PDB file of all heavy atoms in Angstrom:
ATOM      1  N   GLN A   1      97.738 101.883 113.451  1.00  0.00           N
ATOM      2  CA  GLN A   1      97.341 101.180 112.255  1.00  0.00           C
ATOM      3  C   GLN A   1      98.403  99.971 111.902  1.00  0.00           C
ATOM      4  O   GLN A   1      99.617 100.209 111.890  1.00  0.00           O
ATOM      5  CB  GLN A   1      97.367 102.135 111.040  1.00  0.00           C
ATOM      6  CG  GLN A   1      96.319 103.316 111.251  1.00  0.00           C
ATOM      7  CD  GLN A   1      96.451 104.337 110.055  1.00  0.00           C
ATOM      8  OE1 GLN A   1      96.217 103.906 108.910  1.00  0.00           O
ATOM      9  NE2 GLN A   1      96.678 105.535 110.397  1.00  0.00           N
ATOM     10  N   HIS A   2      97.860  98.878 111.619  1.00  0.00           N
ATOM     11  CA  HIS A   2      98.716  97.688 111.293  1.00  0.00           C
ATOM     12  C   HIS A   2      98.434  97.315 109.878  1.00  0.00           C
ATOM     13  O   HIS A   2      97.347  97.005 109.480  1.00  0.00           O
ATOM     14  CB  HIS A   2      98.195  96.561 112.132  1.00  0.00           C
ATOM     15  CG  HIS A   2      98.999  95.314 111.989  1.00  0.00           C
ATOM     16  ND1 HIS A   2      98.479  94.020 112.391  1.00  0.00           N
ATOM     17  CD2 HIS A   2     100.236  95.071 111.561  1.00  0.00           C
ATOM     18  CE1 HIS A   2      99.360  93.086 112.060  1.00  0.00           C
ATOM     19  NE2 HIS A   2     100.368  93.752 111.541  1.00  0.00           N
ATOM     20  N   LEU A   3      99.424  97.362 109.055  1.00  0.00           N
ATOM     21  CA  LEU A   3      99.385  97.218 107.673  1.00  0.00           C
ATOM     22  C   LEU A   3     100.163  95.793 107.366  1.00  0.00           C
ATOM     23  O   LEU A   3     101.383  95.696 107.708  1.00  0.00           O
ATOM     24  CB  LEU A   3     100.065  98.337 106.812  1.00  0.00           C
ATOM     25  CG  LEU A   3      99.199  99.397 106.324  1.00  0.00           C
ATOM     26  CD1 LEU A   3      98.193  98.866 105.225  1.00  0.00           C
ATOM     27  CD2 LEU A   3      98.385 100.119 107.404  1.00  0.00           C
ATOM     28  N   ARG A   4      99.423  95.084 106.504  1.00  0.00           N
ATOM     29  CA  ARG A   4     100.040  93.759 106.041  1.00  0.00           C
ATOM     30  C   ARG A   4      99.763  93.644 104.547  1.00  0.00           C
ATOM     31  O   ARG A   4      98.547  93.619 104.168  1.00  0.00           O
ATOM     32  CB  ARG A   4      99.512  92.561 106.784  1.00  0.00           C
ATOM     33  CG  ARG A   4      99.967  92.422 108.134  1.00  0.00           C
ATOM     34  CD  ARG A   4      99.424  91.238 108.827  1.00  0.00           C
ATOM     35  NE  ARG A   4      97.942  91.406 109.158  1.00  0.00           N
ATOM     36  CZ  ARG A   4      97.165  90.531 109.476  1.00  0.00           C
ATOM     37  NH1 ARG A   4      97.542  89.335 109.725  1.00  0.00           N
ATOM     38  NH2 ARG A   4      95.848  90.758 109.647  1.00  0.00           N
ATOM     39  N   LEU A   5     100.827  93.687 103.720  1.00  0.00           N
ATOM     40  CA  LEU A   5     100.699  93.587 102.331  1.00  0.00           C
ATOM     41  C   LEU A   5     101.417  92.283 101.833  1.00  0.00           C
ATOM     42  O   LEU A   5     102.573  92.112 102.230  1.00  0.00           O
ATOM     43  CB  LEU A   5     101.244  94.866 101.609  1.00  0.00           C
ATOM     44  CG  LEU A   5     100.542  96.191 101.957  1.00  0.00           C
ATOM     45  CD1 LEU A   5     101.218  97.220 101.247  1.00  0.00           C
ATOM     46  CD2 LEU A   5      99.037  96.199 101.660  1.00  0.00           C
ATOM     47  N   GLY A   6     100.858  91.596 100.908  1.00  0.00           N
ATOM     48  CA  GLY A   6     101.411  90.468 100.370  1.00  0.00           C
ATOM     49  C   GLY A   6     101.463  90.570  98.797  1.00  0.00           C
ATOM     50  O   GLY A   6     100.406  91.010  98.130  1.00  0.00           O
ATOM     51  N   ALA A   7     102.560  90.305  98.156  1.00  0.00           N
ATOM     52  CA  ALA A   7     102.627  90.510  96.632  1.00  0.00           C
ATOM     53  C   ALA A   7     103.520  89.319  96.093  1.00  0.00           C
ATOM     54  O   ALA A   7     104.268  88.569  96.831  1.00  0.00           O
ATOM     55  CB  ALA A   7     103.234  91.758  96.393  1.00  0.00           C
ATOM     56  N   ASP A   8     103.362  89.168  94.846  1.00  0.00           N
ATOM     57  CA  ASP A   8     104.199  88.263  93.992  1.00  0.00           C
ATOM     58  C   ASP A   8     105.539  88.937  93.686  1.00  0.00           C
ATOM     59  O   ASP A   8     105.636  90.216  93.843  1.00  0.00           O
ATOM     60  CB  ASP A   8     103.552  87.596  92.783  1.00  0.00           C
ATOM     61  CG  ASP A   8     103.123  88.702  91.731  1.00  0.00           C
ATOM     62  OD1 ASP A   8     103.794  89.771  91.668  1.00  0.00           O
ATOM     63  OD2 ASP A   8     102.197  88.432  90.953  1.00  0.00           O
ATOM     64  N   PRO A   9     106.552  88.358  93.237  1.00  0.00           N
ATOM     65  CA  PRO A   9     107.866  89.012  92.839  1.00  0.00           C
ATOM     66  C   PRO A   9     107.729  90.086  91.811  1.00  0.00           C
ATOM     67  O   PRO A   9     108.561  90.957  91.780  1.00  0.00           O
ATOM     68  CB  PRO A   9     108.717  87.888  92.304  1.00  0.00           C
ATOM     69  CG  PRO A   9     108.071  86.636  92.902  1.00  0.00           C
ATOM     70  CD  PRO A   9     106.624  86.797  92.952  1.00  0.00           C
ATOM     71  N   THR A  10     106.627  90.213  90.961  1.00  0.00           N
ATOM     72  CA  THR A  10     106.448  91.287  90.046  1.00  0.00           C
ATOM     73  C   THR A  10     105.787  92.459  90.693  1.00  0.00           C
ATOM     74  O   THR A  10     105.593  93.440  90.042  1.00  0.00           O
ATOM     75  CB  THR A  10     105.589  90.728  88.810  1.00  0.00           C
ATOM     76  OG1 THR A  10     104.310  90.534  89.233  1.00  0.00           O
ATOM     77  CG2 THR A  10     106.199  89.500  88.226  1.00  0.00           C
ATOM     78  N   GLY A  11     105.362  92.359  91.907  1.00  0.00           N
ATOM     79  CA  GLY A  11     104.771  93.422  92.677  1.00  0.00           C
ATOM     80  C   GLY A  11     103.330  93.583  92.590  1.00  0.00           C
ATOM     81  O   GLY A  11     102.671  94.504  93.240  1.00  0.00           O
ATOM     82  N   HIS A  12     102.569  92.523  92.096  1.00  0.00           N
ATOM     83  CA  HIS A  12     101.047  92.564  92.027  1.00  0.00           C
ATOM     84  C   HIS A  12     100.608  92.130  93.381  1.00  0.00           C
ATOM     85  O   HIS A  12     100.994  90.923  93.940  1.00  0.00           O
ATOM     86  CB  HIS A  12     100.645  91.659  90.970  1.00  0.00           C
ATOM     87  CG  HIS A  12     100.923  92.217  89.592  1.00  0.00           C
ATOM     88  ND1 HIS A  12     102.074  91.841  88.909  1.00  0.00           N
ATOM     89  CD2 HIS A  12     100.215  93.122  88.810  1.00  0.00           C
ATOM     90  CE1 HIS A  12     102.078  92.580  87.710  1.00  0.00           C
ATOM     91  NE2 HIS A  12     100.993  93.282  87.690  1.00  0.00           N
ATOM     92  N   LEU A  13      99.877  92.836  94.039  1.00  0.00           N
ATOM     93  CA  LEU A  13      99.347  92.595  95.360  1.00  0.00           C
ATOM     94  C   LEU A  13      98.383  91.380  95.360  1.00  0.00           C
ATOM     95  O   LEU A  13      97.451  91.319  94.562  1.00  0.00           O
ATOM     96  CB  LEU A  13      98.608  93.773  95.948  1.00  0.00           C
ATOM     97  CG  LEU A  13      99.449  95.064  96.350  1.00  0.00           C
ATOM     98  CD1 LEU A  13      98.610  96.164  96.622  1.00  0.00           C
ATOM     99  CD2 LEU A  13     100.339  94.605  97.539  1.00  0.00           C
ATOM    100  N   SER A  14      98.438  90.493  96.240  1.00  0.00           N
ATOM    101  CA  SER A  14      97.567  89.382  96.429  1.00  0.00           C
ATOM    102  C   SER A  14      96.810  89.519  97.760  1.00  0.00           C
ATOM    103  O   SER A  14      95.681  88.927  97.855  1.00  0.00           O
ATOM    104  CB  SER A  14      98.342  88.083  96.333  1.00  0.00           C
ATOM    105  OG  SER A  14      99.263  88.074  97.410  1.00  0.00           O
ATOM    106  N   ALA A  15      97.327  90.203  98.761  1.00  0.00           N
ATOM    107  CA  ALA A  15      96.729  90.291 100.053  1.00  0.00           C
ATOM    108  C   ALA A  15      96.865  91.746 100.580  1.00  0.00           C
ATOM    109  O   ALA A  15      98.029  92.306 100.562  1.00  0.00           O
ATOM    110  CB  ALA A  15      97.391  89.290 101.058  1.00  0.00           C
ATOM    111  N   VAL A  16      95.713  92.317 100.864  1.00  0.00           N
ATOM    112  CA  VAL A  16      95.705  93.770 101.463  1.00  0.00           C
ATOM    113  C   VAL A  16      95.114  93.647 102.915  1.00  0.00           C
ATOM    114  O   VAL A  16      93.831  93.433 102.898  1.00  0.00           O
ATOM    115  CB  VAL A  16      95.010  94.586 100.480  1.00  0.00           C
ATOM    116  CG1 VAL A  16      95.056  96.053 101.070  1.00  0.00           C
ATOM    117  CG2 VAL A  16      95.645  94.647  99.116  1.00  0.00           C
ATOM    118  N   GLY A  17      95.785  93.889 103.907  1.00  0.00           N
ATOM    119  CA  GLY A  17      95.197  93.881 105.213  1.00  0.00           C
ATOM    120  C   GLY A  17      95.524  95.275 105.875  1.00  0.00           C
ATOM    121  O   GLY A  17      96.684  95.689 105.911  1.00  0.00           O
ATOM    122  N   HIS A  18      94.554  95.889 106.534  1.00  0.00           N
ATOM    123  CA  HIS A  18      94.675  97.111 107.195  1.00  0.00           C
ATOM    124  C   HIS A  18      93.748  97.129 108.435  1.00  0.00           C
ATOM    125  O   HIS A  18      92.505  97.022 108.343  1.00  0.00           O
ATOM    126  CB  HIS A  18      94.291  98.315 106.239  1.00  0.00           C
ATOM    127  CG  HIS A  18      94.666  99.657 106.773  1.00  0.00           C
ATOM    128  ND1 HIS A  18      94.625 100.723 105.858  1.00  0.00           N
ATOM    129  CD2 HIS A  18      95.004 100.142 108.040  1.00  0.00           C
ATOM    130  CE1 HIS A  18      95.051 101.808 106.640  1.00  0.00           C
ATOM    131  NE2 HIS A  18      95.223 101.427 107.901  1.00  0.00           N
ATOM    132  N   ASP A  19      94.376  97.170 109.617  1.00  0.00           N
ATOM    133  CA  ASP A  19      93.506  97.234 110.793  1.00  0.00           C
ATOM    134  C   ASP A  19      93.912  98.532 111.570  1.00  0.00           C
ATOM    135  O   ASP A  19      95.049  99.026 111.653  1.00  0.00           O
ATOM    136  CB  ASP A  19      94.078  96.101 111.691  1.00  0.00           C
ATOM    137  CG  ASP A  19      93.541  94.773 111.308  1.00  0.00           C
ATOM    138  OD1 ASP A  19      92.336  94.550 111.173  1.00  0.00           O
ATOM    139  OD2 ASP A  19      94.454  93.779 110.935  1.00  0.00           O
ATOM    140  N   THR A  20      92.914  99.138 111.953  1.00  0.00           N
ATOM    141  CA  THR A  20      92.979 100.509 112.659  1.00  0.00           C
ATOM    142  C   THR A  20      92.405 100.451 114.060  1.00  0.00           C
ATOM    143  O   THR A  20      91.268  99.924 114.180  1.00  0.00           O
ATOM    144  CB  THR A  20      92.436 101.684 111.822  1.00  0.00           C
ATOM    145  OG1 THR A  20      93.073 101.796 110.646  1.00  0.00           O
ATOM    146  CG2 THR A  20      92.391 102.966 112.593  1.00  0.00           C
ATOM    147  N   TRP A  21      93.064 101.040 114.951  1.00  0.00           N
ATOM    148  CA  TRP A  21      92.470 101.204 116.274  1.00  0.00           C
ATOM    149  C   TRP A  21      92.400 102.739 116.617  1.00  0.00           C
ATOM    150  O   TRP A  21      93.420 103.560 116.430  1.00  0.00           O
ATOM    151  CB  TRP A  21      93.352 100.647 117.449  1.00  0.00           C
ATOM    152  CG  TRP A  21      93.224  99.100 117.389  1.00  0.00           C
ATOM    153  CD1 TRP A  21      92.379  98.315 118.088  1.00  0.00           C
ATOM    154  CD2 TRP A  21      94.005  98.208 116.522  1.00  0.00           C
ATOM    155  NE1 TRP A  21      92.551  96.974 117.802  1.00  0.00           N
ATOM    156  CE2 TRP A  21      93.628  96.931 116.863  1.00  0.00           C
ATOM    157  CE3 TRP A  21      95.059  98.452 115.672  1.00  0.00           C
ATOM    158  CZ2 TRP A  21      94.206  95.848 116.343  1.00  0.00           C
ATOM    159  CZ3 TRP A  21      95.681  97.399 114.993  1.00  0.00           C
ATOM    160  CH2 TRP A  21      95.173  96.052 115.384  1.00  0.00           C
ATOM    161  N   THR A  22      91.217 103.292 117.097  1.00  0.00           N
ATOM    162  CA  THR A  22      91.089 104.616 117.356  1.00  0.00           C
ATOM    163  C   THR A  22      90.204 104.805 118.501  1.00  0.00           C
ATOM    164  O   THR A  22      89.359 103.816 118.735  1.00  0.00           O
ATOM    165  CB  THR A  22      90.758 105.394 116.196  1.00  0.00           C
ATOM    166  OG1 THR A  22      90.703 106.864 116.498  1.00  0.00           O
ATOM    167  CG2 THR A  22      89.254 104.953 115.732  1.00  0.00           C
ATOM    168  N   GLY A  23      90.165 105.844 119.359  1.00  0.00           N
ATOM    169  CA  GLY A  23      89.469 106.016 120.578  1.00  0.00           C
ATOM    170  C   GLY A  23      88.657 107.343 120.585  1.00  0.00           C
ATOM    171  O   GLY A  23      89.081 108.378 119.939  1.00  0.00           O
ATOM    172  N   ASN A  24      87.661 107.389 121.295  1.00  0.00           N
ATOM    173  CA  ASN A  24      86.718 108.598 121.443  1.00  0.00           C
ATOM    174  C   ASN A  24      85.897 108.358 122.696  1.00  0.00           C
ATOM    175  O   ASN A  24      85.723 107.401 123.196  1.00  0.00           O
ATOM    176  CB  ASN A  24      85.969 108.726 120.240  1.00  0.00           C
ATOM    177  CG  ASN A  24      85.572 110.261 119.960  1.00  0.00           C
ATOM    178  OD1 ASN A  24      85.664 111.068 120.856  1.00  0.00           O
ATOM    179  ND2 ASN A  24      85.141 110.530 118.721  1.00  0.00           N
ATOM    180  N   LEU A  25      85.249 109.556 123.072  1.00  0.00           N
ATOM    181  CA  LEU A  25      84.170 109.486 124.012  1.00  0.00           C
ATOM    182  C   LEU A  25      83.045 108.510 123.503  1.00  0.00           C
ATOM    183  O   LEU A  25      82.922 108.284 122.309  1.00  0.00           O
ATOM    184  CB  LEU A  25      83.636 110.887 124.301  1.00  0.00           C
ATOM    185  CG  LEU A  25      84.543 111.861 124.966  1.00  0.00           C
ATOM    186  CD1 LEU A  25      83.999 113.298 124.841  1.00  0.00           C
ATOM    187  CD2 LEU A  25      84.895 111.555 126.431  1.00  0.00           C
TER     188      LEU A  25
END
């Protein structure tokens, strides 16, 4: 899982990125 979060100095999120790789039959 690749997490990228971006926020302003007060902590309010402006960018939320979440990529997941998983495998199966």
